[in-house]
N, C-alpha and C. Protein backbone atom coordinates (compact mmCIF):
# COMPACT_ATOMS: atom_id res chain seq x y z
N UNK A 1 0.88 -1.20 -0.01
CA UNK A 1 0.04 0.02 0.07
C UNK A 1 0.89 1.23 0.06
N UNK A 2 0.24 2.33 -0.27
CA UNK A 2 0.98 3.64 -0.29
C UNK A 2 1.49 3.84 1.10
N UNK A 3 0.84 3.64 2.12
CA UNK A 3 1.29 3.89 3.48
C UNK A 3 2.51 2.92 3.80
N UNK A 4 2.46 1.80 3.41
CA UNK A 4 3.60 0.83 3.67
C UNK A 4 4.95 1.33 2.99
N UNK A 5 4.68 1.92 1.73
CA UNK A 5 5.72 2.44 1.02
C UNK A 5 6.24 3.57 1.80
N UNK A 6 5.37 4.52 2.20
CA UNK A 6 5.80 5.76 2.93
C UNK A 6 6.61 5.34 4.25
N UNK A 7 6.14 4.43 4.83
CA UNK A 7 6.82 3.85 6.04
C UNK A 7 8.24 3.36 5.68
N UNK A 8 8.32 2.58 4.59
CA UNK A 8 9.64 2.08 4.28
C UNK A 8 10.55 3.30 3.89
N UNK A 9 10.07 4.27 3.25
CA UNK A 9 10.92 5.45 2.90
C UNK A 9 11.42 6.08 4.03
N UNK A 10 10.47 6.36 4.97
CA UNK A 10 10.86 7.16 6.22
C UNK A 10 11.90 6.27 7.05
N UNK A 11 11.73 5.00 6.99
CA UNK A 11 12.70 4.15 7.66
C UNK A 11 13.99 4.26 7.19
N UNK A 12 14.10 4.51 5.77
CA UNK A 12 15.43 4.47 5.07
C UNK A 12 15.90 6.06 4.98
N UNK A 13 15.21 6.90 5.74
CA UNK A 13 15.63 8.25 5.77
C UNK A 13 15.24 9.20 4.60
N UNK A 14 14.42 8.65 3.83
CA UNK A 14 13.91 9.36 2.64
C UNK A 14 12.54 10.18 2.96
N UNK A 15 12.67 11.56 2.70
CA UNK A 15 11.59 12.36 3.07
C UNK A 15 10.38 11.85 2.32
N UNK A 16 9.19 11.91 2.93
CA UNK A 16 7.97 11.65 2.23
C UNK A 16 7.20 12.90 2.26
N UNK A 17 6.73 13.23 0.97
CA UNK A 17 5.95 14.47 0.68
C UNK A 17 4.58 13.94 0.16
N UNK A 18 3.62 14.27 0.94
CA UNK A 18 2.27 13.95 0.60
C UNK A 18 1.38 15.16 0.03
N UNK A 19 0.84 15.04 -1.05
CA UNK A 19 -0.10 15.94 -1.65
C UNK A 19 -1.45 15.40 -1.56
N UNK A 20 -2.39 16.00 -0.77
CA UNK A 20 -3.65 15.43 -0.54
C UNK A 20 -4.66 16.50 -0.15
N UNK A 21 -5.95 16.08 -0.05
CA UNK A 21 -7.00 17.10 0.45
C UNK A 21 -7.05 16.82 2.00
N UNK A 22 -6.56 17.68 2.72
CA UNK A 22 -6.38 17.46 4.19
C UNK A 22 -7.86 17.27 4.73
N UNK A 23 -8.73 18.23 4.49
CA UNK A 23 -10.08 18.21 5.04
C UNK A 23 -10.73 16.86 4.66
N UNK A 24 -10.61 16.48 3.42
CA UNK A 24 -11.29 15.15 3.01
C UNK A 24 -10.68 13.91 3.83
N UNK A 25 -9.36 13.98 3.89
CA UNK A 25 -8.60 12.94 4.59
C UNK A 25 -9.09 12.81 6.04
N UNK A 26 -9.21 13.85 6.66
CA UNK A 26 -9.65 14.01 8.07
C UNK A 26 -11.18 13.43 8.10
N UNK A 27 -11.88 13.69 7.12
CA UNK A 27 -13.34 13.34 7.12
C UNK A 27 -13.48 11.82 7.01
N UNK A 28 -12.55 11.13 6.31
CA UNK A 28 -12.69 9.80 5.97
C UNK A 28 -12.20 8.89 7.15
N UNK A 29 -12.80 7.72 7.35
CA UNK A 29 -12.26 6.76 8.39
C UNK A 29 -11.00 6.06 7.71
N UNK A 30 -10.04 5.84 8.52
CA UNK A 30 -8.71 5.07 7.92
C UNK A 30 -9.05 3.72 7.61
N UNK A 31 -8.53 3.31 6.40
CA UNK A 31 -8.81 1.98 5.94
C UNK A 31 -7.60 1.01 6.33
N UNK A 32 -6.46 1.62 6.53
CA UNK A 32 -5.27 0.75 6.76
C UNK A 32 -5.48 0.15 8.10
N UNK A 33 -4.77 -1.02 8.29
CA UNK A 33 -4.95 -1.72 9.54
C UNK A 33 -4.18 -1.05 10.73
N UNK A 34 -3.37 -0.06 10.48
CA UNK A 34 -2.70 0.74 11.36
C UNK A 34 -3.74 1.91 12.02
N UNK A 35 -4.74 2.00 11.18
CA UNK A 35 -5.71 3.15 11.46
C UNK A 35 -5.08 4.57 11.25
N UNK A 36 -4.02 4.48 10.38
CA UNK A 36 -3.47 5.80 10.10
C UNK A 36 -3.88 6.07 8.56
N UNK A 37 -3.50 7.29 8.20
CA UNK A 37 -3.67 7.72 6.89
C UNK A 37 -2.45 8.22 6.24
N UNK A 38 -2.40 8.20 4.99
CA UNK A 38 -1.06 8.65 4.38
C UNK A 38 -0.48 9.93 4.85
N UNK A 39 -1.37 10.91 5.07
CA UNK A 39 -0.89 12.18 5.56
C UNK A 39 -0.30 12.15 6.97
N UNK A 40 -0.60 11.09 7.71
CA UNK A 40 -0.02 10.81 9.00
C UNK A 40 1.45 10.43 8.94
N UNK A 41 1.90 10.03 7.74
CA UNK A 41 3.26 9.58 7.52
C UNK A 41 4.19 10.53 6.63
N UNK A 42 3.66 11.76 6.57
CA UNK A 42 4.23 12.75 5.70
C UNK A 42 5.41 13.57 6.50
N UNK A 43 6.52 13.80 5.90
CA UNK A 43 7.44 14.74 6.43
C UNK A 43 6.98 16.16 5.98
N UNK A 44 6.46 16.22 4.85
CA UNK A 44 5.99 17.44 4.30
C UNK A 44 4.54 17.18 3.82
N UNK A 45 3.61 17.94 4.30
CA UNK A 45 2.17 17.66 3.98
C UNK A 45 1.64 18.97 3.08
N UNK A 46 1.24 18.73 1.81
CA UNK A 46 0.71 19.79 1.00
C UNK A 46 -0.82 19.58 0.88
N UNK A 47 -1.55 20.61 1.08
CA UNK A 47 -3.03 20.45 0.84
C UNK A 47 -3.54 21.00 -0.38
N UNK A 48 -4.20 20.25 -1.16
CA UNK A 48 -4.60 20.70 -2.48
C UNK A 48 -6.01 21.63 -2.34
N UNK A 49 -6.53 21.54 -0.99
CA UNK A 49 -7.69 22.51 -0.73
C UNK A 49 -8.83 22.28 -1.66
N UNK A 50 -9.18 20.97 -2.08
CA UNK A 50 -10.27 20.62 -2.77
C UNK A 50 -11.35 20.38 -1.80
N UNK A 51 -12.44 19.95 -2.35
CA UNK A 51 -13.69 19.64 -1.45
C UNK A 51 -13.88 18.14 -1.05
N UNK A 52 -14.70 17.81 -0.11
CA UNK A 52 -14.89 16.60 0.28
C UNK A 52 -15.73 16.04 -0.75
N UNK A 53 -15.30 14.78 -1.12
CA UNK A 53 -15.88 14.06 -2.32
C UNK A 53 -15.29 14.35 -3.56
N UNK A 54 -14.42 15.32 -3.66
CA UNK A 54 -13.53 15.67 -4.89
C UNK A 54 -14.52 15.74 -6.18
N UNK A 55 -15.66 16.29 -5.99
CA UNK A 55 -16.50 16.58 -7.22
C UNK A 55 -17.21 17.88 -6.99
N UNK A 56 -17.27 18.74 -8.09
CA UNK A 56 -17.71 20.05 -7.94
C UNK A 56 -19.10 20.42 -8.58
N UNK A 57 -19.49 19.61 -9.72
CA UNK A 57 -20.55 20.02 -10.58
C UNK A 57 -21.76 19.15 -10.15
N UNK A 58 -22.85 20.00 -9.89
CA UNK A 58 -24.14 19.22 -9.64
C UNK A 58 -25.03 19.19 -10.97
N UNK A 59 -25.55 18.03 -11.21
CA UNK A 59 -26.34 17.93 -12.53
C UNK A 59 -27.84 17.71 -12.03
N UNK A 60 -28.68 18.50 -12.63
CA UNK A 60 -30.15 18.31 -12.37
C UNK A 60 -30.54 16.79 -12.65
N UNK A 61 -31.34 16.43 -11.66
CA UNK A 61 -31.95 14.94 -11.81
C UNK A 61 -30.79 13.90 -11.86
N UNK A 62 -29.70 14.26 -11.16
CA UNK A 62 -28.63 13.17 -11.06
C UNK A 62 -28.06 13.35 -9.77
N UNK A 63 -28.06 12.22 -8.83
CA UNK A 63 -27.82 12.30 -7.45
C UNK A 63 -26.10 12.50 -7.07
N UNK A 64 -25.29 12.30 -8.06
CA UNK A 64 -23.94 12.29 -7.86
C UNK A 64 -23.17 13.58 -8.53
N UNK A 65 -22.44 14.32 -7.73
CA UNK A 65 -21.75 15.31 -8.23
C UNK A 65 -20.56 14.76 -9.13
N UNK A 66 -20.13 15.53 -10.22
CA UNK A 66 -19.02 15.10 -11.11
C UNK A 66 -18.14 16.30 -11.22
N UNK A 67 -16.99 15.93 -11.89
CA UNK A 67 -15.94 16.98 -12.21
C UNK A 67 -15.10 17.16 -10.97
N UNK A 68 -13.92 16.41 -10.97
CA UNK A 68 -13.05 16.56 -9.78
C UNK A 68 -12.46 17.83 -9.65
N UNK A 69 -12.31 18.22 -8.40
CA UNK A 69 -11.80 19.64 -8.03
C UNK A 69 -10.37 19.52 -7.73
N UNK A 70 -9.78 18.38 -7.64
CA UNK A 70 -8.34 18.29 -7.18
C UNK A 70 -7.39 18.31 -8.34
N UNK A 71 -7.85 18.09 -9.56
CA UNK A 71 -6.92 17.94 -10.71
C UNK A 71 -6.14 19.25 -10.89
N UNK A 72 -6.83 20.40 -10.94
CA UNK A 72 -6.02 21.61 -11.32
C UNK A 72 -5.02 22.02 -10.27
N UNK A 73 -5.49 22.02 -8.93
CA UNK A 73 -4.48 22.32 -8.02
C UNK A 73 -3.36 21.36 -7.86
N UNK A 74 -3.59 20.03 -8.20
CA UNK A 74 -2.60 18.98 -8.11
C UNK A 74 -1.54 19.28 -9.22
N UNK A 75 -1.98 19.52 -10.43
CA UNK A 75 -1.04 19.74 -11.56
C UNK A 75 -0.25 20.95 -11.37
N UNK A 76 -0.92 22.01 -10.83
CA UNK A 76 -0.11 23.24 -10.64
C UNK A 76 0.80 23.18 -9.51
N UNK A 77 0.42 22.48 -8.50
CA UNK A 77 1.44 22.19 -7.37
C UNK A 77 2.65 21.35 -7.84
N UNK A 78 2.31 20.37 -8.49
CA UNK A 78 3.42 19.42 -9.00
C UNK A 78 4.41 20.25 -9.98
N UNK A 79 3.76 20.85 -10.83
CA UNK A 79 4.54 21.71 -11.84
C UNK A 79 5.40 22.77 -11.20
N UNK A 80 4.78 23.43 -10.14
CA UNK A 80 5.60 24.33 -9.38
C UNK A 80 6.76 23.72 -8.65
N UNK A 81 6.54 22.48 -7.96
CA UNK A 81 7.46 21.71 -7.24
C UNK A 81 8.69 21.40 -8.15
N UNK A 82 8.34 20.95 -9.40
CA UNK A 82 9.29 20.47 -10.33
C UNK A 82 10.11 21.69 -10.81
N UNK A 83 9.55 22.84 -11.04
CA UNK A 83 10.31 23.97 -11.51
C UNK A 83 11.25 24.55 -10.35
N UNK A 84 10.81 24.47 -9.17
CA UNK A 84 11.52 25.03 -8.06
C UNK A 84 12.71 24.02 -7.81
N UNK A 85 12.41 22.68 -7.99
CA UNK A 85 13.46 21.75 -7.73
C UNK A 85 14.63 21.87 -8.66
N UNK A 86 14.38 22.05 -9.88
CA UNK A 86 15.33 22.26 -11.04
C UNK A 86 16.13 23.59 -10.77
N UNK A 87 15.52 24.54 -10.32
CA UNK A 87 16.19 25.82 -10.09
C UNK A 87 17.16 25.64 -8.84
N UNK A 88 16.68 24.93 -7.81
CA UNK A 88 17.53 24.69 -6.70
C UNK A 88 18.69 23.77 -7.00
N UNK A 89 18.48 22.82 -7.92
CA UNK A 89 19.61 21.96 -8.38
C UNK A 89 20.69 22.73 -9.20
N UNK A 90 20.11 23.51 -9.99
CA UNK A 90 20.99 24.39 -11.00
C UNK A 90 21.84 25.40 -10.05
N UNK A 91 21.21 25.99 -9.06
CA UNK A 91 21.79 26.91 -8.08
C UNK A 91 22.93 26.12 -7.35
N UNK A 92 22.87 24.82 -7.17
CA UNK A 92 23.82 24.09 -6.46
C UNK A 92 24.86 23.42 -7.36
N UNK A 93 24.76 23.70 -8.73
CA UNK A 93 25.77 23.27 -9.56
C UNK A 93 25.53 21.84 -10.23
N UNK A 94 24.26 21.39 -9.96
CA UNK A 94 23.78 20.10 -10.51
C UNK A 94 23.07 20.36 -11.84
N UNK A 95 23.33 19.46 -12.79
CA UNK A 95 22.50 19.65 -14.06
C UNK A 95 21.51 18.52 -14.07
N UNK A 96 20.25 18.82 -13.80
CA UNK A 96 19.19 17.68 -13.65
C UNK A 96 18.91 17.14 -15.08
N UNK A 97 18.42 15.97 -15.14
CA UNK A 97 18.03 15.36 -16.36
C UNK A 97 16.53 15.82 -16.71
N UNK A 98 16.41 16.69 -17.50
CA UNK A 98 15.11 17.29 -17.90
C UNK A 98 14.81 16.86 -19.33
N UNK A 99 13.65 16.23 -19.39
CA UNK A 99 13.19 15.73 -20.82
C UNK A 99 12.50 16.87 -21.61
N UNK A 100 12.92 17.16 -22.75
CA UNK A 100 12.21 18.12 -23.67
C UNK A 100 10.81 17.61 -24.05
N UNK A 101 9.89 18.55 -24.27
CA UNK A 101 8.67 18.19 -24.87
C UNK A 101 9.05 17.53 -26.25
N UNK A 102 8.56 16.38 -26.44
CA UNK A 102 9.04 15.57 -27.62
C UNK A 102 8.61 16.26 -28.93
N UNK A 103 7.57 17.14 -28.94
CA UNK A 103 7.13 17.79 -30.25
C UNK A 103 8.23 18.66 -30.71
N UNK A 104 9.07 19.22 -29.81
CA UNK A 104 10.28 19.97 -30.26
C UNK A 104 11.21 19.30 -31.26
N UNK A 105 11.12 18.06 -31.18
CA UNK A 105 12.08 17.25 -32.05
C UNK A 105 11.61 17.43 -33.59
N UNK A 106 10.58 17.85 -33.93
CA UNK A 106 10.10 18.08 -35.30
C UNK A 106 10.96 19.25 -35.87
N UNK A 107 11.45 20.12 -35.11
CA UNK A 107 12.31 21.21 -35.49
C UNK A 107 13.67 21.08 -35.30
N UNK A 108 14.16 20.20 -34.45
CA UNK A 108 15.44 20.13 -33.86
C UNK A 108 15.78 18.65 -33.57
N UNK A 109 16.69 17.99 -34.32
CA UNK A 109 17.09 16.69 -34.13
C UNK A 109 17.78 16.47 -32.88
N UNK A 110 18.40 17.49 -32.30
CA UNK A 110 19.22 17.36 -31.08
C UNK A 110 18.28 17.12 -29.80
N UNK A 111 17.03 17.63 -29.95
CA UNK A 111 16.06 17.29 -29.02
C UNK A 111 15.75 15.90 -28.75
N UNK A 112 15.58 15.10 -29.95
CA UNK A 112 15.29 13.70 -29.75
C UNK A 112 16.67 12.97 -29.19
N UNK A 113 17.74 13.48 -29.74
CA UNK A 113 19.04 12.96 -29.34
C UNK A 113 19.09 13.06 -27.71
N UNK A 114 18.81 14.25 -27.19
CA UNK A 114 18.81 14.53 -25.76
C UNK A 114 17.91 13.68 -24.99
N UNK A 115 16.63 13.49 -25.44
CA UNK A 115 15.57 12.69 -24.90
C UNK A 115 16.02 11.21 -24.91
N UNK A 116 16.58 10.74 -25.97
CA UNK A 116 16.97 9.35 -26.12
C UNK A 116 18.11 9.05 -25.05
N UNK A 117 18.96 10.05 -24.81
CA UNK A 117 20.04 9.85 -23.81
C UNK A 117 19.43 9.68 -22.44
N UNK A 118 18.36 10.44 -22.10
CA UNK A 118 17.72 10.29 -20.75
C UNK A 118 17.00 8.92 -20.77
N UNK A 119 16.33 8.60 -21.85
CA UNK A 119 15.66 7.25 -21.92
C UNK A 119 16.66 6.07 -21.64
N UNK A 120 17.82 6.09 -22.34
CA UNK A 120 18.73 5.15 -22.23
C UNK A 120 19.35 5.09 -20.71
N UNK A 121 19.46 6.26 -20.10
CA UNK A 121 20.00 6.29 -18.70
C UNK A 121 19.04 5.63 -17.84
N UNK A 122 17.80 5.85 -17.94
CA UNK A 122 16.82 5.47 -16.87
C UNK A 122 15.92 4.27 -17.26
N UNK A 123 16.11 3.65 -18.51
CA UNK A 123 15.23 2.74 -19.03
C UNK A 123 15.04 1.45 -18.16
N UNK A 124 16.06 1.10 -17.41
CA UNK A 124 15.92 -0.05 -16.53
C UNK A 124 15.45 0.25 -15.16
N UNK A 125 15.32 1.48 -14.85
CA UNK A 125 14.90 1.95 -13.54
C UNK A 125 13.39 2.40 -13.64
N UNK A 126 12.95 2.88 -14.76
CA UNK A 126 11.65 3.31 -14.80
C UNK A 126 10.83 2.52 -15.68
N UNK A 127 9.81 1.75 -15.22
CA UNK A 127 9.10 0.87 -16.01
C UNK A 127 8.27 1.77 -17.09
N UNK A 128 8.08 1.28 -18.21
CA UNK A 128 7.25 1.95 -19.24
C UNK A 128 7.84 3.24 -19.69
N UNK A 129 9.00 3.49 -19.62
CA UNK A 129 9.72 4.65 -20.13
C UNK A 129 9.96 4.60 -21.55
């Protein structure tokens, strides 16, 4: 489970960052046998501030709301974290492996060469790369 993975990471000294809806997590009963929730195992807890139920749109004559409200904040937060991480690494003199948008290869062969180098480097570590 995700909780077991978080526990293993923390036991190995790896920081666990959890991005969740804190209000919704508090609202739900814990399903894990430890009676804990993923957010209980976070070193850093980031709240996406969505709504309980993660659905925003009410449809007339339909009992269930639709349209998740967590997608937009999640994508924004993840992209901001990624950009900040790259900036911190560069400031520390580290050149991170950043994959170009593959469409750029249409205009520049070096883009595909760059991306292929990253794929070759991580192929056996990242499934489905």
